[in-house]
Amino acid sequence: MAKEKPTLLVTMGDPCGIGPEILALSAACTQSVSDSNRIFIGNTDVLKAAIALRNLQMNVRPIQSVEQASFTEGTVNILDPGNLDATTLEAGVLSGLAGKASVEWIELAGKLLLAKKAQAMVTAPINKEAVQLANIKTIGHMEILQKLSGAKNVATMLISGNLFVVHLSTHVALKNAHEAVTIQNIMSKLSLTNHFFRQYFNVKPSIGVASFNPHNGDGGLMGNEESMHIIPAIEQARSLGIDAHGPIPADTIFTLAIRGQYNAVLAMYHDQGHIPIKVHGWEQSVSVTIGLPFLRTSVDHGTAFDIAGKGIADPASMIESIHLAETLLKEIQG
């Protein structure tokens, strides 16, 4: 007997960006060969406009609950809570109303997952400026979902091909990034990474830990984060059975991981981890929030207001995000 396909909740992101377009294109490109049943969460009229923009042959079925969804070829289900008037929006233009709605769609998806109504969520990009215009203080997907779920420790993992990169810190000014380099934070991220690979791939991962300073600090000449925090954290992790290695200079570690020496790399700050991922394979890179009580994958790009509404958005990262969610669910379900 064939297993029932898992249900993915796919949030629209900021409706003034390219999110609606890449949702529509992802359905057109992959629905017939999909390993999941997909429900979009967002605005019905915006989705219809995106379908028309790309001349897609697709029907839209508005639903009021997950239970109302019906999965047939050529039709997409959209759960629209009726929280946004599409006539107030303009493609590529910041809108506090759009920012507010985009956060509410994320929260709706999270609540449905916590209620076991679906198996994973895939997210299109939101615009942090638009969210701020709505006077919402929690402005990132990870922060929103952590608050909603009560997860104690979470982290961003970026994936491109065989390169997996976890970030010690993300949206922190570079001048403050050193504050996150503590034994406790490093241990937390190493533990999350180890658990992720065990949970979804049933392997004990080898984790390379990047240094914070150039040349590992050159014996303290360029900083002591390595000796004071990173090395003690690695030693502590290894004593607990986590296969951590380092610190290894950032100009070396990512090449070693791509060559297969490490299953994952722990980067010390945002750009240290993002740059190698996007050089290695920008179009196919995706994001996973690890540490949540449910699976969340995401595109690894922004709202692209400069091309929104022009009919040229590339759905590659959204397609990869959906495929990754399907793959991980297959792994965990055996």
C-alpha atoms as a PDB file:
ATOM      1  CA  MET A   1       0.000   0.000   0.000  1.00  0.00           C
ATOM      2  CA  ALA A   2       1.450   3.362  -1.053  1.00  0.00           C
ATOM      3  CA  LYS A   3       2.186   5.844   1.687  1.00  0.00           C
ATOM      4  CA  GLU A   4       0.029   8.946   1.801  1.00  0.00           C
ATOM      5  CA  LYS A   5       1.872  12.008   0.569  1.00  0.00           C
ATOM      6  CA  PRO A   6       2.867  14.502   3.283  1.00  0.00           C
ATOM      7  CA  THR A   7       1.250  17.922   3.285  1.00  0.00           C
ATOM      8  CA  LEU A   8       3.452  20.993   2.848  1.00  0.00           C
ATOM      9  CA  LEU A   9       2.278  24.469   3.767  1.00  0.00           C
ATOM     10  CA  VAL A  10       3.879  27.019   1.440  1.00  0.00           C
ATOM     11  CA  THR A  11       3.665  30.632   2.608  1.00  0.00           C
ATOM     12  CA  MET A  12       3.492  33.420   0.044  1.00  0.00           C
ATOM     13  CA  GLY A  13       5.969  35.777   1.702  1.00  0.00           C
ATOM     14  CA  ASP A  14       5.596  39.473   0.992  1.00  0.00           C
ATOM     15  CA  PRO A  15       2.882  39.725  -1.680  1.00  0.00           C
ATOM     16  CA  CYS A  16       4.575  42.801  -3.176  1.00  0.00           C
ATOM     17  CA  GLY A  17       7.722  40.796  -3.911  1.00  0.00           C
ATOM     18  CA  ILE A  18       8.415  37.771  -6.105  1.00  0.00           C
ATOM     19  CA  GLY A  19       6.933  35.289  -3.613  1.00  0.00           C
ATOM     20  CA  PRO A  20       3.546  34.899  -5.380  1.00  0.00           C
ATOM     21  CA  GLU A  21       5.281  34.379  -8.729  1.00  0.00           C
ATOM     22  CA  ILE A  22       7.689  31.705  -7.530  1.00  0.00           C
ATOM     23  CA  LEU A  23       4.843  29.907  -5.734  1.00  0.00           C
ATOM     24  CA  ALA A  24       2.855  29.757  -8.956  1.00  0.00           C
ATOM     25  CA  LEU A  25       5.861  28.661 -11.001  1.00  0.00           C
ATOM     26  CA  SER A  26       6.848  25.999  -8.486  1.00  0.00           C
ATOM     27  CA  ALA A  27       3.413  24.426  -8.802  1.00  0.00           C
ATOM     28  CA  ALA A  28       3.503  24.563 -12.592  1.00  0.00           C
ATOM     29  CA  CYS A  29       6.981  23.024 -12.744  1.00  0.00           C
ATOM     30  CA  THR A  30       6.694  20.282 -10.141  1.00  0.00           C
ATOM     31  CA  GLN A  31       3.102  19.480  -9.209  1.00  0.00           C
ATOM     32  CA  SER A  32       2.732  16.493 -11.537  1.00  0.00           C
ATOM     33  CA  VAL A  33       5.838  14.782 -10.145  1.00  0.00           C
ATOM     34  CA  SER A  34       5.534  15.977  -6.564  1.00  0.00           C
ATOM     35  CA  ASP A  35       6.130  13.791  -3.525  1.00  0.00           C
ATOM     36  CA  SER A  36       3.882  16.017  -1.418  1.00  0.00           C
ATOM     37  CA  ASN A  37       0.481  17.644  -1.304  1.00  0.00           C
ATOM     38  CA  ARG A  38       0.884  21.397  -1.197  1.00  0.00           C
ATOM     39  CA  ILE A  39      -1.306  24.083   0.304  1.00  0.00           C
ATOM     40  CA  PHE A  40      -0.386  27.697  -0.324  1.00  0.00           C
ATOM     41  CA  ILE A  41      -1.064  30.229   2.425  1.00  0.00           C
ATOM     42  CA  GLY A  42      -1.552  33.795   1.288  1.00  0.00           C
ATOM     43  CA  ASN A  43      -3.846  36.026  -0.742  1.00  0.00           C
ATOM     44  CA  THR A  44      -6.018  34.450  -3.439  1.00  0.00           C
ATOM     45  CA  ASP A  45      -6.169  37.485  -5.730  1.00  0.00           C
ATOM     46  CA  VAL A  46      -2.406  38.003  -5.586  1.00  0.00           C
ATOM     47  CA  LEU A  47      -1.810  34.356  -6.501  1.00  0.00           C
ATOM     48  CA  LYS A  48      -4.241  34.572  -9.420  1.00  0.00           C
ATOM     49  CA  ALA A  49      -2.445  37.677 -10.666  1.00  0.00           C
ATOM     50  CA  ALA A  50       0.914  35.866 -10.510  1.00  0.00           C
ATOM     51  CA  ILE A  51      -0.525  32.937 -12.475  1.00  0.00           C
ATOM     52  CA  ALA A  52      -1.835  35.326 -15.121  1.00  0.00           C
ATOM     53  CA  LEU A  53       1.486  37.201 -15.230  1.00  0.00           C
ATOM     54  CA  ARG A  54       3.309  34.025 -16.260  1.00  0.00           C
ATOM     55  CA  ASN A  55       0.482  32.723 -18.498  1.00  0.00           C
ATOM     56  CA  LEU A  56       0.152  29.521 -16.508  1.00  0.00           C
ATOM     57  CA  GLN A  57      -2.707  27.098 -17.070  1.00  0.00           C
ATOM     58  CA  MET A  58      -3.727  26.579 -13.476  1.00  0.00           C
ATOM     59  CA  ASN A  59      -6.903  26.730 -11.412  1.00  0.00           C
ATOM     60  CA  VAL A  60      -6.979  28.234  -7.919  1.00  0.00           C
ATOM     61  CA  ARG A  61      -9.086  26.617  -5.201  1.00  0.00           C
ATOM     62  CA  PRO A  62      -9.594  28.865  -2.140  1.00  0.00           C
ATOM     63  CA  ILE A  63     -10.063  26.856   1.069  1.00  0.00           C
ATOM     64  CA  GLN A  64     -10.863  27.753   4.659  1.00  0.00           C
ATOM     65  CA  SER A  65      -9.107  24.805   6.327  1.00  0.00           C
ATOM     66  CA  VAL A  66      -6.526  22.129   5.582  1.00  0.00           C
ATOM     67  CA  GLU A  67      -9.306  19.542   5.618  1.00  0.00           C
ATOM     68  CA  GLN A  68     -11.013  21.232   2.659  1.00  0.00           C
ATOM     69  CA  ALA A  69      -8.025  20.759   0.371  1.00  0.00           C
ATOM     70  CA  SER A  70      -8.417  18.498  -2.640  1.00  0.00           C
ATOM     71  CA  PHE A  71      -5.345  17.646  -4.657  1.00  0.00           C
ATOM     72  CA  THR A  72      -5.877  17.325  -8.387  1.00  0.00           C
ATOM     73  CA  GLU A  73      -3.664  18.010 -11.387  1.00  0.00           C
ATOM     74  CA  GLY A  74      -3.789  21.604 -12.609  1.00  0.00           C
ATOM     75  CA  THR A  75      -5.322  23.005  -9.417  1.00  0.00           C
ATOM     76  CA  VAL A  76      -3.640  24.689  -6.473  1.00  0.00           C
ATOM     77  CA  ASN A  77      -5.170  25.060  -3.018  1.00  0.00           C
ATOM     78  CA  ILE A  78      -4.755  28.363  -1.206  1.00  0.00           C
ATOM     79  CA  LEU A  79      -5.656  28.930   2.413  1.00  0.00           C
ATOM     80  CA  ASP A  80      -6.560  32.604   2.548  1.00  0.00           C
ATOM     81  CA  PRO A  81      -7.506  33.972   5.983  1.00  0.00           C
ATOM     82  CA  GLY A  82      -8.890  37.131   4.354  1.00  0.00           C
ATOM     83  CA  ASN A  83      -6.432  39.448   6.083  1.00  0.00           C
ATOM     84  CA  LEU A  84      -5.384  41.526   3.069  1.00  0.00           C
ATOM     85  CA  ASP A  85      -7.054  43.615   0.350  1.00  0.00           C
ATOM     86  CA  ALA A  86      -4.981  43.037  -2.782  1.00  0.00           C
ATOM     87  CA  THR A  87      -6.206  46.264  -4.393  1.00  0.00           C
ATOM     88  CA  THR A  88      -4.089  48.231  -1.884  1.00  0.00           C
ATOM     89  CA  LEU A  89      -0.838  46.661  -3.140  1.00  0.00           C
ATOM     90  CA  GLU A  90       1.633  47.491  -5.873  1.00  0.00           C
ATOM     91  CA  ALA A  91       4.371  45.139  -6.996  1.00  0.00           C
ATOM     92  CA  GLY A  92       7.795  46.228  -5.779  1.00  0.00           C
ATOM     93  CA  VAL A  93       6.447  48.855  -3.376  1.00  0.00           C
ATOM     94  CA  LEU A  94       6.833  48.616   0.395  1.00  0.00           C
ATOM     95  CA  SER A  95       3.581  48.137   2.270  1.00  0.00           C
ATOM     96  CA  GLY A  96       3.019  47.800   5.988  1.00  0.00           C
ATOM     97  CA  LEU A  97      -0.254  45.985   5.265  1.00  0.00           C
ATOM     98  CA  ALA A  98       1.641  43.442   3.164  1.00  0.00           C
ATOM     99  CA  GLY A  99       4.288  43.082   5.868  1.00  0.00           C
ATOM    100  CA  LYS A 100       1.628  42.426   8.503  1.00  0.00           C
ATOM    101  CA  ALA A 101      -0.164  39.868   6.349  1.00  0.00           C
ATOM    102  CA  SER A 102       3.081  38.041   5.512  1.00  0.00           C
ATOM    103  CA  VAL A 103       3.817  37.528   9.212  1.00  0.00           C
ATOM    104  CA  GLU A 104       0.255  36.362   9.895  1.00  0.00           C
ATOM    105  CA  TRP A 105       0.587  33.741   7.142  1.00  0.00           C
ATOM    106  CA  ILE A 106       3.785  32.429   8.747  1.00  0.00           C
ATOM    107  CA  GLU A 107       2.096  32.255  12.132  1.00  0.00           C
ATOM    108  CA  LEU A 108      -0.906  30.439  10.650  1.00  0.00           C
ATOM    109  CA  ALA A 109       1.362  27.834   9.059  1.00  0.00           C
ATOM    110  CA  GLY A 110       3.253  27.388  12.323  1.00  0.00           C
ATOM    111  CA  LYS A 111       0.049  26.902  14.309  1.00  0.00           C
ATOM    112  CA  LEU A 112      -1.207  24.306  11.826  1.00  0.00           C
ATOM    113  CA  LEU A 113       2.071  22.410  12.094  1.00  0.00           C
ATOM    114  CA  LEU A 114       1.971  22.491  15.889  1.00  0.00           C
ATOM    115  CA  ALA A 115      -1.565  21.093  15.621  1.00  0.00           C
ATOM    116  CA  LYS A 116      -0.235  18.285  13.368  1.00  0.00           C
ATOM    117  CA  LYS A 117      -2.377  19.415  10.428  1.00  0.00           C
ATOM    118  CA  ALA A 118       0.616  19.232   8.070  1.00  0.00           C
ATOM    119  CA  GLN A 119       4.139  17.836   8.041  1.00  0.00           C
ATOM    120  CA  ALA A 120       6.356  20.773   7.001  1.00  0.00           C
ATOM    121  CA  MET A 121       6.375  24.369   5.852  1.00  0.00           C
ATOM    122  CA  VAL A 122       8.203  26.037   2.985  1.00  0.00           C
ATOM    123  CA  THR A 123       8.505  29.815   3.016  1.00  0.00           C
ATOM    124  CA  ALA A 124       8.837  32.492   0.371  1.00  0.00           C
ATOM    125  CA  PRO A 125      10.741  35.640   1.430  1.00  0.00           C
ATOM    126  CA  ILE A 126       9.300  38.394   3.590  1.00  0.00           C
ATOM    127  CA  ASN A 127      10.506  41.985   3.592  1.00  0.00           C
ATOM    128  CA  LYS A 128      11.847  43.139   6.947  1.00  0.00           C
ATOM    129  CA  GLU A 129      11.246  46.817   6.186  1.00  0.00           C
ATOM    130  CA  ALA A 130       7.594  46.087   5.399  1.00  0.00           C
ATOM    131  CA  VAL A 131       7.256  44.128   8.628  1.00  0.00           C
ATOM    132  CA  GLN A 132       8.742  47.039  10.553  1.00  0.00           C
ATOM    133  CA  LEU A 133       6.252  49.384   8.869  1.00  0.00           C
ATOM    134  CA  ALA A 134       3.555  47.207  10.420  1.00  0.00           C
ATOM    135  CA  ASN A 135       5.118  47.913  13.835  1.00  0.00           C
ATOM    136  CA  ILE A 136       5.980  44.246  14.349  1.00  0.00           C
ATOM    137  CA  LYS A 137       9.159  43.798  16.385  1.00  0.00           C
ATOM    138  CA  THR A 138       9.868  40.131  15.582  1.00  0.00           C
ATOM    139  CA  ILE A 139      10.859  40.484  11.952  1.00  0.00           C
ATOM    140  CA  GLY A 140      12.560  37.270  10.799  1.00  0.00           C
ATOM    141  CA  HIS A 141      11.088  33.867   9.969  1.00  0.00           C
ATOM    142  CA  MET A 142      13.339  32.126  12.464  1.00  0.00           C
ATOM    143  CA  GLU A 143      12.514  34.533  15.263  1.00  0.00           C
ATOM    144  CA  ILE A 144       8.770  34.433  14.523  1.00  0.00           C
ATOM    145  CA  LEU A 145       8.650  30.642  14.521  1.00  0.00           C
ATOM    146  CA  GLN A 146      10.891  30.317  17.581  1.00  0.00           C
ATOM    147  CA  LYS A 147       8.599  32.630  19.543  1.00  0.00           C
ATOM    148  CA  LEU A 148       5.483  30.855  18.298  1.00  0.00           C
ATOM    149  CA  SER A 149       6.740  27.338  19.053  1.00  0.00           C
ATOM    150  CA  GLY A 150       8.648  28.096  22.236  1.00  0.00           C
ATOM    151  CA  ALA A 151      11.786  26.440  20.837  1.00  0.00           C
ATOM    152  CA  LYS A 152      14.729  27.108  23.125  1.00  0.00           C
ATOM    153  CA  ASN A 153      17.567  26.967  20.609  1.00  0.00           C
ATOM    154  CA  VAL A 154      17.345  27.435  16.848  1.00  0.00           C
ATOM    155  CA  ALA A 155      19.805  28.047  14.047  1.00  0.00           C
ATOM    156  CA  THR A 156      19.934  28.799  10.336  1.00  0.00           C
ATOM    157  CA  MET A 157      21.382  26.083   8.113  1.00  0.00           C
ATOM    158  CA  LEU A 158      22.078  26.900   4.468  1.00  0.00           C
ATOM    159  CA  ILE A 159      22.456  24.100   1.939  1.00  0.00           C
ATOM    160  CA  SER A 160      23.795  24.129  -1.599  1.00  0.00           C
ATOM    161  CA  GLY A 161      24.618  20.779  -3.118  1.00  0.00           C
ATOM    162  CA  ASN A 162      26.806  18.914  -0.642  1.00  0.00           C
ATOM    163  CA  LEU A 163      27.707  22.027   1.365  1.00  0.00           C
ATOM    164  CA  PHE A 164      25.809  22.405   4.660  1.00  0.00           C
ATOM    165  CA  VAL A 165      26.552  25.549   6.687  1.00  0.00           C
ATOM    166  CA  VAL A 166      25.112  26.378  10.123  1.00  0.00           C
ATOM    167  CA  HIS A 167      25.412  29.926  11.450  1.00  0.00           C
ATOM    168  CA  LEU A 168      26.395  30.861  14.985  1.00  0.00           C
ATOM    169  CA  SER A 169      24.789  34.267  14.435  1.00  0.00           C
ATOM    170  CA  THR A 170      22.887  35.753  11.515  1.00  0.00           C
ATOM    171  CA  HIS A 171      21.290  39.199  11.563  1.00  0.00           C
ATOM    172  CA  VAL A 172      23.862  40.865  13.789  1.00  0.00           C
ATOM    173  CA  ALA A 173      26.057  43.834  12.898  1.00  0.00           C
ATOM    174  CA  LEU A 174      29.590  42.674  12.127  1.00  0.00           C
ATOM    175  CA  LYS A 175      31.011  44.895  14.870  1.00  0.00           C
ATOM    176  CA  ASN A 176      28.887  42.934  17.383  1.00  0.00           C
ATOM    177  CA  ALA A 177      29.315  39.442  15.922  1.00  0.00           C
ATOM    178  CA  HIS A 178      32.086  38.557  18.397  1.00  0.00           C
ATOM    179  CA  GLU A 179      29.557  38.741  21.229  1.00  0.00           C
ATOM    180  CA  ALA A 180      27.897  35.567  19.962  1.00  0.00           C
ATOM    181  CA  VAL A 181      31.167  33.613  20.007  1.00  0.00           C
ATOM    182  CA  THR A 182      30.743  31.928  23.378  1.00  0.00           C
ATOM    183  CA  ILE A 183      31.201  28.375  24.562  1.00  0.00           C
ATOM    184  CA  GLN A 184      27.483  28.074  25.288  1.00  0.00           C
ATOM    185  CA  ASN A 185      26.376  29.329  21.867  1.00  0.00           C
ATOM    186  CA  ILE A 186      28.859  27.162  20.003  1.00  0.00           C
ATOM    187  CA  MET A 187      27.839  24.103  21.997  1.00  0.00           C
ATOM    188  CA  SER A 188      24.172  24.822  21.279  1.00  0.00           C
ATOM    189  CA  LYS A 189      24.710  25.048  17.513  1.00  0.00           C
ATOM    190  CA  LEU A 190      26.937  21.963  17.430  1.00  0.00           C
ATOM    191  CA  SER A 191      24.274  20.017  19.325  1.00  0.00           C
ATOM    192  CA  LEU A 192      21.516  21.193  16.961  1.00  0.00           C
ATOM    193  CA  THR A 193      23.596  20.272  13.914  1.00  0.00           C
ATOM    194  CA  ASN A 194      24.429  16.851  15.302  1.00  0.00           C
ATOM    195  CA  HIS A 195      20.759  16.197  16.110  1.00  0.00           C
ATOM    196  CA  PHE A 196      19.610  17.319  12.653  1.00  0.00           C
ATOM    197  CA  PHE A 197      21.875  14.857  10.825  1.00  0.00           C
ATOM    198  CA  ARG A 198      20.972  12.036  13.176  1.00  0.00           C
ATOM    199  CA  GLN A 199      17.249  12.768  12.841  1.00  0.00           C
ATOM    200  CA  TYR A 200      17.039  13.177   9.075  1.00  0.00           C
ATOM    201  CA  PHE A 201      20.000  11.211   7.714  1.00  0.00           C
ATOM    202  CA  ASN A 202      20.667   8.738  10.525  1.00  0.00           C
ATOM    203  CA  VAL A 203      24.377   9.568  10.509  1.00  0.00           C
ATOM    204  CA  LYS A 204      26.802  10.941  13.064  1.00  0.00           C
ATOM    205  CA  PRO A 205      28.060  14.041  11.260  1.00  0.00           C
ATOM    206  CA  SER A 206      31.589  15.326  11.124  1.00  0.00           C
ATOM    207  CA  ILE A 207      31.294  19.055  11.855  1.00  0.00           C
ATOM    208  CA  GLY A 208      34.028  21.500  10.959  1.00  0.00           C
ATOM    209  CA  VAL A 209      34.111  24.651  13.074  1.00  0.00           C
ATOM    210  CA  ALA A 210      35.344  27.840  11.419  1.00  0.00           C
ATOM    211  CA  SER A 211      37.636  30.221  13.238  1.00  0.00           C
ATOM    212  CA  PHE A 212      36.381  33.708  13.974  1.00  0.00           C
ATOM    213  CA  ASN A 213      39.601  35.606  13.293  1.00  0.00           C
ATOM    214  CA  PRO A 214      41.979  35.411  10.317  1.00  0.00           C
ATOM    215  CA  HIS A 215      44.585  32.640  10.612  1.00  0.00           C
ATOM    216  CA  ASN A 216      42.910  31.285  13.770  1.00  0.00           C
ATOM    217  CA  GLY A 217      43.882  34.494  15.535  1.00  0.00           C
ATOM    218  CA  ASP A 218      47.616  33.960  14.970  1.00  0.00           C
ATOM    219  CA  GLY A 219      48.261  32.933  18.548  1.00  0.00           C
ATOM    220  CA  GLY A 220      46.255  35.857  19.920  1.00  0.00           C
ATOM    221  CA  LEU A 221      47.779  38.537  17.725  1.00  0.00           C
ATOM    222  CA  MET A 222      44.459  38.967  15.904  1.00  0.00           C
ATOM    223  CA  GLY A 223      41.993  38.016  18.609  1.00  0.00           C
ATOM    224  CA  ASN A 224      41.503  35.364  21.270  1.00  0.00           C
ATOM    225  CA  GLU A 225      38.015  34.026  20.462  1.00  0.00           C
ATOM    226  CA  GLU A 226      39.597  30.784  19.275  1.00  0.00           C
ATOM    227  CA  SER A 227      41.524  30.041  22.480  1.00  0.00           C
ATOM    228  CA  MET A 228      38.927  31.442  24.877  1.00  0.00           C
ATOM    229  CA  HIS A 229      35.714  30.079  23.397  1.00  0.00           C
ATOM    230  CA  ILE A 230      35.905  28.008  20.217  1.00  0.00           C
ATOM    231  CA  ILE A 231      38.511  25.430  21.283  1.00  0.00           C
ATOM    232  CA  PRO A 232      36.937  24.813  24.720  1.00  0.00           C
ATOM    233  CA  ALA A 233      33.525  24.388  23.062  1.00  0.00           C
ATOM    234  CA  ILE A 234      34.890  21.867  20.578  1.00  0.00           C
ATOM    235  CA  GLU A 235      36.581  19.936  23.355  1.00  0.00           C
ATOM    236  CA  GLN A 236      33.366  19.917  25.368  1.00  0.00           C
ATOM    237  CA  ALA A 237      31.354  18.784  22.339  1.00  0.00           C
ATOM    238  CA  ARG A 238      33.754  15.942  21.618  1.00  0.00           C
ATOM    239  CA  SER A 239      33.519  14.784  25.226  1.00  0.00           C
ATOM    240  CA  LEU A 240      29.764  14.419  24.630  1.00  0.00           C
ATOM    241  CA  GLY A 241      30.239  12.341  21.503  1.00  0.00           C
ATOM    242  CA  ILE A 242      29.831  15.113  18.913  1.00  0.00           C
ATOM    243  CA  ASP A 243      32.382  14.763  16.095  1.00  0.00           C
ATOM    244  CA  ALA A 244      33.501  18.411  15.984  1.00  0.00           C
ATOM    245  CA  HIS A 245      36.806  19.606  14.510  1.00  0.00           C
ATOM    246  CA  GLY A 246      38.649  22.908  14.484  1.00  0.00           C
ATOM    247  CA  PRO A 247      38.852  25.748  14.626  1.00  0.00           C
ATOM    248  CA  ILE A 248      39.788  25.871  10.963  1.00  0.00           C
ATOM    249  CA  PRO A 249      40.451  29.141   9.081  1.00  0.00           C
ATOM    250  CA  ALA A 250      37.447  30.275   7.076  1.00  0.00           C
ATOM    251  CA  ASP A 251      39.500  30.533   3.880  1.00  0.00           C
ATOM    252  CA  THR A 252      40.093  26.770   4.041  1.00  0.00           C
ATOM    253  CA  ILE A 253      37.209  25.047   5.797  1.00  0.00           C
ATOM    254  CA  PHE A 254      34.525  25.402   3.129  1.00  0.00           C
ATOM    255  CA  THR A 255      36.687  23.843   0.423  1.00  0.00           C
ATOM    256  CA  LEU A 256      37.381  20.918   2.753  1.00  0.00           C
ATOM    257  CA  ALA A 257      33.647  20.474   3.345  1.00  0.00           C
ATOM    258  CA  ILE A 258      32.858  20.571  -0.380  1.00  0.00           C
ATOM    259  CA  ARG A 259      35.498  17.878  -0.873  1.00  0.00           C
ATOM    260  CA  GLY A 260      33.683  15.704   1.669  1.00  0.00           C
ATOM    261  CA  GLN A 261      35.866  16.038   4.757  1.00  0.00           C
ATOM    262  CA  TYR A 262      32.972  17.469   6.810  1.00  0.00           C
ATOM    263  CA  ASN A 263      29.230  16.913   6.669  1.00  0.00           C
ATOM    264  CA  ALA A 264      28.635  20.457   7.860  1.00  0.00           C
ATOM    265  CA  VAL A 265      30.444  23.650   8.774  1.00  0.00           C
ATOM    266  CA  LEU A 266      29.654  25.897  11.730  1.00  0.00           C
ATOM    267  CA  ALA A 267      30.255  29.484  10.579  1.00  0.00           C
ATOM    268  CA  MET A 268      30.788  32.214  13.150  1.00  0.00           C
ATOM    269  CA  TYR A 269      28.710  34.987  11.536  1.00  0.00           C
ATOM    270  CA  HIS A 270      26.353  35.800   8.664  1.00  0.00           C
ATOM    271  CA  ASP A 271      28.615  36.605   5.716  1.00  0.00           C
ATOM    272  CA  GLN A 272      31.246  34.043   6.660  1.00  0.00           C
ATOM    273  CA  GLY A 273      28.665  31.345   5.971  1.00  0.00           C
ATOM    274  CA  HIS A 274      26.509  32.952   3.301  1.00  0.00           C
ATOM    275  CA  ILE A 275      29.280  33.861   0.865  1.00  0.00           C
ATOM    276  CA  PRO A 276      30.626  30.325   0.263  1.00  0.00           C
ATOM    277  CA  ILE A 277      27.090  28.943  -0.079  1.00  0.00           C
ATOM    278  CA  LYS A 278      26.151  31.497  -2.705  1.00  0.00           C
ATOM    279  CA  VAL A 279      29.421  31.140  -4.594  1.00  0.00           C
ATOM    280  CA  HIS A 280      29.067  27.347  -4.516  1.00  0.00           C
ATOM    281  CA  GLY A 281      25.525  27.413  -5.940  1.00  0.00           C
ATOM    282  CA  TRP A 282      23.361  30.487  -5.426  1.00  0.00           C
ATOM    283  CA  GLU A 283      20.386  29.452  -7.570  1.00  0.00           C
ATOM    284  CA  GLN A 284      19.936  26.110  -5.816  1.00  0.00           C
ATOM    285  CA  SER A 285      20.736  27.215  -2.263  1.00  0.00           C
ATOM    286  CA  VAL A 286      18.054  26.764   0.375  1.00  0.00           C
ATOM    287  CA  SER A 287      17.654  27.415   4.075  1.00  0.00           C
ATOM    288  CA  VAL A 288      16.497  25.180   6.925  1.00  0.00           C
ATOM    289  CA  THR A 289      15.679  26.364  10.421  1.00  0.00           C
ATOM    290  CA  ILE A 290      16.974  23.691  12.767  1.00  0.00           C
ATOM    291  CA  GLY A 291      15.782  23.344  16.353  1.00  0.00           C
ATOM    292  CA  LEU A 292      12.067  23.925  15.684  1.00  0.00           C
ATOM    293  CA  PRO A 293       9.543  21.208  16.603  1.00  0.00           C
ATOM    294  CA  PHE A 294       8.621  20.972  12.907  1.00  0.00           C
ATOM    295  CA  LEU A 295      10.412  21.115   9.560  1.00  0.00           C
ATOM    296  CA  ARG A 296      10.800  24.478   7.856  1.00  0.00           C
ATOM    297  CA  THR A 297      12.701  25.033   4.621  1.00  0.00           C
ATOM    298  CA  SER A 298      12.990  28.305   2.744  1.00  0.00           C
ATOM    299  CA  VAL A 299      14.326  30.000  -0.331  1.00  0.00           C
ATOM    300  CA  ASP A 300      17.733  31.583   0.146  1.00  0.00           C
ATOM    301  CA  HIS A 301      16.970  34.943  -1.430  1.00  0.00           C
ATOM    302  CA  GLY A 302      15.014  38.097  -0.736  1.00  0.00           C
ATOM    303  CA  THR A 303      11.804  39.645  -2.017  1.00  0.00           C
ATOM    304  CA  ALA A 304      13.531  41.136  -5.089  1.00  0.00           C
ATOM    305  CA  PHE A 305      11.285  44.178  -5.293  1.00  0.00           C
ATOM    306  CA  ASP A 306      13.326  45.400  -8.276  1.00  0.00           C
ATOM    307  CA  ILE A 307      11.949  42.612 -10.495  1.00  0.00           C
ATOM    308  CA  ALA A 308       8.589  41.988  -8.810  1.00  0.00           C
ATOM    309  CA  GLY A 309       5.687  42.064 -11.245  1.00  0.00           C
ATOM    310  CA  LYS A 310       7.952  41.890 -14.315  1.00  0.00           C
ATOM    311  CA  GLY A 311       7.455  38.183 -14.998  1.00  0.00           C
ATOM    312  CA  ILE A 312      11.134  37.246 -14.815  1.00  0.00           C
ATOM    313  CA  ALA A 313      11.497  35.721 -11.339  1.00  0.00           C
ATOM    314  CA  ASP A 314      13.389  32.415 -11.156  1.00  0.00           C
ATOM    315  CA  PRO A 315      11.671  29.717  -9.057  1.00  0.00           C
ATOM    316  CA  ALA A 316      14.784  27.507  -8.728  1.00  0.00           C
ATOM    317  CA  SER A 317      15.344  28.119  -5.014  1.00  0.00           C
ATOM    318  CA  MET A 318      11.647  27.591  -4.225  1.00  0.00           C
ATOM    319  CA  ILE A 319      11.630  24.331  -6.188  1.00  0.00           C
ATOM    320  CA  GLU A 320      14.767  23.199  -4.329  1.00  0.00           C
ATOM    321  CA  SER A 321      13.191  24.172  -0.988  1.00  0.00           C
ATOM    322  CA  ILE A 322      10.125  22.060  -1.730  1.00  0.00           C
ATOM    323  CA  HIS A 323      12.263  19.167  -2.929  1.00  0.00           C
ATOM    324  CA  LEU A 324      14.433  19.348   0.191  1.00  0.00           C
ATOM    325  CA  ALA A 325      11.380  19.283   2.478  1.00  0.00           C
ATOM    326  CA  GLU A 326      10.053  16.251   0.604  1.00  0.00           C
ATOM    327  CA  THR A 327      13.438  14.517   0.799  1.00  0.00           C
ATOM    328  CA  LEU A 328      13.867  15.139   4.524  1.00  0.00           C
ATOM    329  CA  LEU A 329      10.338  13.922   5.246  1.00  0.00           C
ATOM    330  CA  LYS A 330      11.062  10.745   3.297  1.00  0.00           C
ATOM    331  CA  GLU A 331      14.226  10.197   5.332  1.00  0.00           C
ATOM    332  CA  ILE A 332      12.520  10.629   8.686  1.00  0.00           C
ATOM    333  CA  GLN A 333       9.542   8.483   7.686  1.00  0.00           C
ATOM    334  CA  GLY A 334      11.796   5.729   6.405  1.00  0.00           C
END
